[in-house]
Amino acid sequence: MQMKFINTFITKMPVIFFIALLFSGCASKATKPEIVIAENVELSKPVLLPEHLSEYKKALGFMRAKSFGDAHKIFNTLLTIYPKLAGAYVNIAIIFQAESDDEQAQKNYSKALEINPNNVDALIQLAAYSQKQGQFKKVEKYLLTAEAVDKSNQTVQYNLAVLYELYLQQFGEAIDHYENYIALSSDEDVETVKRWVMLLERK
C-alpha cells in the first residue's frame, strides 16, 4: 500500500507543518494507552495585546517567506512577554525543523506541550519524532491524545489509521480511522483510501 506524505503549511496561528507518519510492519499488543486531557488549559492561554498580535502575524509572514531568522527573533521577543505562549514554541520548533535541527525542534515541541498538553500541533509532531525513534506506543499515545482534543483533525485520523494498519496490525481500528479520514477529507486521495478500506475489510 502506498502511503501519502502530508506536508501542509497552515498560515493560521499557530503555524504547523503536518507530517504523516511512515510505519514498518510489526505486531503489538492491542492495549491502548491511558489518555488524560488537561482541564482548563484554554483559561490559562495568554491573550495578546493588539500590537503583540500584530507582531505574531508579522512573524508568520516571515515564516511563509522563509525568513526564518526574522521570525525566530520576533517569537523569542514575544516569549519574554508571554512565557506561556505555546504557539510561539511550536513555530520556533518548525523553524528548527526547516533548518534540519531536529534536537532543538523536539525540545520546543516538548516545551509547547508542557505549557499546553492539549496542543494538537505539538502532539502530531512529537508522534512523528517518536516514530523515527521506533517508539510506537508513544506514537499511539500522542495521536490518541490529539484525537481526544480534536477528533475532526484529518491528519490525526489518517496517521492513526496508518499506525494501526501497518505497525500495530489492528485492522478494525485502522478501518475506523480511515473512514473518519474519508468523512473529513476533501483531498483527491479519498477514493484510494476507500479502496484500502475495502482490502482491509477482507482480512
Protein backbone atom coordinates (compact mmCIF):
# COMPACT_ATOMS: atom_id res chain seq x y z
CA MET A 1 0.00 0.00 0.00
CA GLN A 2 1.34 3.41 -0.92
CA MET A 3 1.09 5.97 1.86
CA LYS A 4 0.77 9.65 1.19
CA PHE A 5 3.05 12.20 2.78
CA ILE A 6 1.13 15.14 4.27
CA ASN A 7 3.21 18.30 4.32
CA THR A 8 0.85 21.26 4.55
CA PHE A 9 1.85 24.76 5.58
CA ILE A 10 -1.06 26.27 7.50
CA THR A 11 -0.99 30.03 7.88
CA LYS A 12 -3.30 30.38 10.89
CA MET A 13 -1.91 30.68 14.45
CA PRO A 14 -0.03 28.60 15.37
CA VAL A 15 1.56 27.61 12.09
CA ILE A 16 2.38 23.93 11.68
CA PHE A 17 3.80 21.50 9.17
CA PHE A 18 1.64 18.37 9.21
CA ILE A 19 3.81 15.32 8.61
CA ALA A 20 2.22 11.94 8.01
CA LEU A 21 3.87 9.05 9.81
CA LEU A 22 5.55 6.23 7.93
CA PHE A 23 5.50 2.87 9.66
CA SER A 24 7.12 -0.54 9.19
CA GLY A 25 5.12 -3.69 9.95
CA CYS A 26 5.37 -5.44 13.31
CA ALA A 27 2.70 -6.71 15.69
CA SER A 28 2.00 -5.23 19.11
CA LYS A 29 -0.46 -5.67 21.96
CA ALA A 30 -3.90 -4.15 21.48
CA THR A 31 -3.98 -2.40 24.88
CA LYS A 32 -4.48 1.32 24.39
CA PRO A 33 -2.57 3.84 26.49
CA GLU A 34 -4.46 5.86 29.07
CA ILE A 35 -5.35 9.29 27.74
CA VAL A 36 -5.75 12.24 30.10
CA ILE A 37 -6.96 15.56 28.71
CA ALA A 38 -5.77 18.60 30.66
CA GLU A 39 -8.60 20.70 32.05
CA ASN A 40 -8.89 24.49 31.96
CA VAL A 41 -5.97 24.91 29.55
CA GLU A 42 -7.95 27.40 27.47
CA LEU A 43 -8.39 29.61 30.52
CA SER A 44 -4.64 29.88 31.05
CA LYS A 45 -3.74 30.84 27.48
CA PRO A 46 -2.30 34.36 27.25
CA VAL A 47 -4.31 36.99 25.41
CA LEU A 48 -2.02 39.06 23.22
CA LEU A 49 -2.32 42.82 23.14
CA PRO A 50 -3.15 44.14 19.63
CA GLU A 51 0.40 45.31 18.98
CA HIS A 52 1.80 41.93 20.03
CA LEU A 53 -0.76 40.04 17.95
CA SER A 54 0.36 42.17 15.01
CA GLU A 55 3.96 41.13 15.67
CA TYR A 56 2.91 37.47 15.87
CA LYS A 57 1.21 37.73 12.48
CA LYS A 58 4.27 39.51 11.12
CA ALA A 59 6.41 36.58 12.26
CA LEU A 60 4.06 34.16 10.49
CA GLY A 61 4.52 36.21 7.35
CA PHE A 62 8.29 35.90 7.70
CA MET A 63 7.86 32.14 8.03
CA ARG A 64 5.81 31.94 4.86
CA ALA A 65 8.57 33.90 3.12
CA LYS A 66 11.15 31.54 4.66
CA SER A 67 12.77 34.44 6.50
CA PHE A 68 13.23 32.19 9.49
CA GLY A 69 15.77 34.30 11.34
CA ASP A 70 13.44 37.32 11.41
CA ALA A 71 10.51 35.16 12.52
CA HIS A 72 12.57 33.47 15.23
CA LYS A 73 13.64 36.83 16.65
CA ILE A 74 10.04 38.03 16.94
CA PHE A 75 8.85 34.81 18.61
CA ASN A 76 11.71 35.00 21.13
CA THR A 77 10.78 38.59 21.94
CA LEU A 78 7.13 37.64 22.43
CA LEU A 79 8.12 34.81 24.75
CA THR A 80 9.86 37.28 27.06
CA ILE A 81 6.46 38.99 27.41
CA TYR A 82 4.25 35.88 27.23
CA PRO A 83 6.29 32.93 28.54
CA LYS A 84 3.24 30.64 28.28
CA LEU A 85 2.66 31.32 24.58
CA ALA A 86 2.74 27.71 23.39
CA GLY A 87 2.14 28.67 19.76
CA ALA A 88 5.42 30.59 19.69
CA TYR A 89 7.30 27.48 20.82
CA VAL A 90 5.55 25.44 18.12
CA ASN A 91 6.59 27.94 15.46
CA ILE A 92 10.17 28.06 16.74
CA ALA A 93 10.19 24.26 16.52
CA ILE A 94 9.02 24.49 12.89
CA ILE A 95 11.88 26.88 12.18
CA PHE A 96 14.38 24.44 13.66
CA GLN A 97 12.84 21.66 11.55
CA ALA A 98 13.27 23.78 8.44
CA GLU A 99 16.92 24.22 9.44
CA SER A 100 17.28 20.42 9.99
CA ASP A 101 17.90 20.83 13.72
CA ASP A 102 15.62 18.07 14.97
CA GLU A 103 17.00 18.12 18.51
CA GLN A 104 16.01 21.75 19.06
CA ALA A 105 12.72 21.19 17.25
CA GLN A 106 11.79 18.38 19.65
CA LYS A 107 12.77 20.49 22.66
CA ASN A 108 10.49 23.30 21.56
CA TYR A 109 7.57 21.00 20.74
CA SER A 110 8.01 19.44 24.18
CA LYS A 111 8.06 22.89 25.79
CA ALA A 112 4.84 23.78 23.97
CA LEU A 113 3.30 20.58 25.31
CA GLU A 114 4.43 21.35 28.86
CA ILE A 115 2.56 24.64 28.64
CA ASN A 116 -0.45 23.22 26.82
CA PRO A 117 -0.76 19.40 26.98
CA ASN A 118 -3.68 19.67 24.53
CA ASN A 119 -1.67 21.33 21.74
CA VAL A 120 -2.56 19.17 18.75
CA ASP A 121 0.24 20.53 16.58
CA ALA A 122 2.92 19.58 19.10
CA LEU A 123 1.30 16.18 19.70
CA ILE A 124 1.36 15.36 15.97
CA GLN A 125 4.97 16.40 15.55
CA LEU A 126 6.19 14.56 18.66
CA ALA A 127 4.37 11.48 17.36
CA ALA A 128 6.36 11.81 14.15
CA TYR A 129 9.64 12.04 16.06
CA SER A 130 8.67 9.06 18.21
CA GLN A 131 8.00 7.10 15.03
CA LYS A 132 11.52 7.83 13.79
CA GLN A 133 12.86 6.51 17.10
CA GLY A 134 10.76 3.35 16.90
CA GLN A 135 8.70 4.26 19.97
CA PHE A 136 5.34 3.21 18.58
CA LYS A 137 3.38 3.10 21.83
CA LYS A 138 4.38 6.72 22.39
CA VAL A 139 3.22 7.45 18.85
CA GLU A 140 -0.15 5.92 19.71
CA LYS A 141 -0.45 7.92 22.94
CA TYR A 142 0.41 11.22 21.27
CA LEU A 143 -2.05 10.63 18.44
CA LEU A 144 -4.88 9.37 20.64
CA THR A 145 -4.44 12.42 22.86
CA ALA A 146 -4.60 14.64 19.77
CA GLU A 147 -7.74 12.82 18.66
CA ALA A 148 -9.36 13.30 22.07
CA VAL A 149 -8.68 17.02 21.78
CA ASP A 150 -9.76 17.34 18.12
CA LYS A 151 -11.49 14.34 16.57
CA SER A 152 -12.12 16.33 13.38
CA ASN A 153 -8.40 16.65 12.59
CA GLN A 154 -7.99 14.64 9.40
CA THR A 155 -4.22 14.32 9.75
CA VAL A 156 -4.62 12.69 13.16
CA GLN A 157 -7.21 10.28 11.75
CA TYR A 158 -5.01 9.35 8.80
CA ASN A 159 -1.91 8.79 10.91
CA LEU A 160 -3.81 6.68 13.43
CA ALA A 161 -5.14 4.55 10.59
CA VAL A 162 -1.64 4.01 9.21
CA LEU A 163 -0.31 3.22 12.68
CA TYR A 164 -2.98 0.60 13.38
CA GLU A 165 -2.75 -0.98 9.95
CA LEU A 166 0.95 -1.16 9.25
CA TYR A 167 2.52 -1.32 12.67
CA LEU A 168 0.07 -2.41 15.35
CA GLN A 169 -1.88 -4.54 12.87
CA GLN A 170 -5.21 -3.74 14.48
CA PHE A 171 -7.19 -3.73 11.28
CA GLY A 172 -10.57 -2.89 12.81
CA GLU A 173 -9.10 0.24 14.40
CA ALA A 174 -7.38 1.09 11.12
CA ILE A 175 -10.65 0.87 9.22
CA ASP A 176 -12.41 3.12 11.72
CA HIS A 177 -9.78 5.83 11.41
CA TYR A 178 -9.55 5.57 7.62
CA GLU A 179 -13.33 6.00 7.49
CA ASN A 180 -13.08 9.03 9.77
CA TYR A 181 -10.43 10.44 7.44
CA ILE A 182 -12.62 9.83 4.39
CA ALA A 183 -15.54 11.62 6.05
CA LEU A 184 -13.37 14.62 6.92
CA SER A 185 -11.15 14.94 3.87
CA SER A 186 -11.72 16.58 0.50
CA ASP A 187 -8.29 15.54 -0.76
CA GLU A 188 -8.01 13.74 -4.06
CA ASP A 189 -6.69 10.59 -2.38
CA VAL A 190 -10.04 9.76 -0.76
CA GLU A 191 -11.00 7.24 -3.43
CA THR A 192 -7.67 5.48 -2.94
CA VAL A 193 -8.22 5.31 0.81
CA LYS A 194 -11.68 3.85 0.19
CA ARG A 195 -10.05 1.03 -1.77
CA TRP A 196 -7.62 0.44 1.11
CA VAL A 197 -10.61 0.08 3.45
CA MET A 198 -12.17 -2.48 1.13
CA LEU A 199 -8.96 -4.51 1.17
CA LEU A 200 -8.71 -4.33 4.94
CA GLU A 201 -12.30 -5.50 5.34
CA ARG A 202 -11.35 -8.74 3.58
CA LYS A 203 -8.63 -9.56 6.13
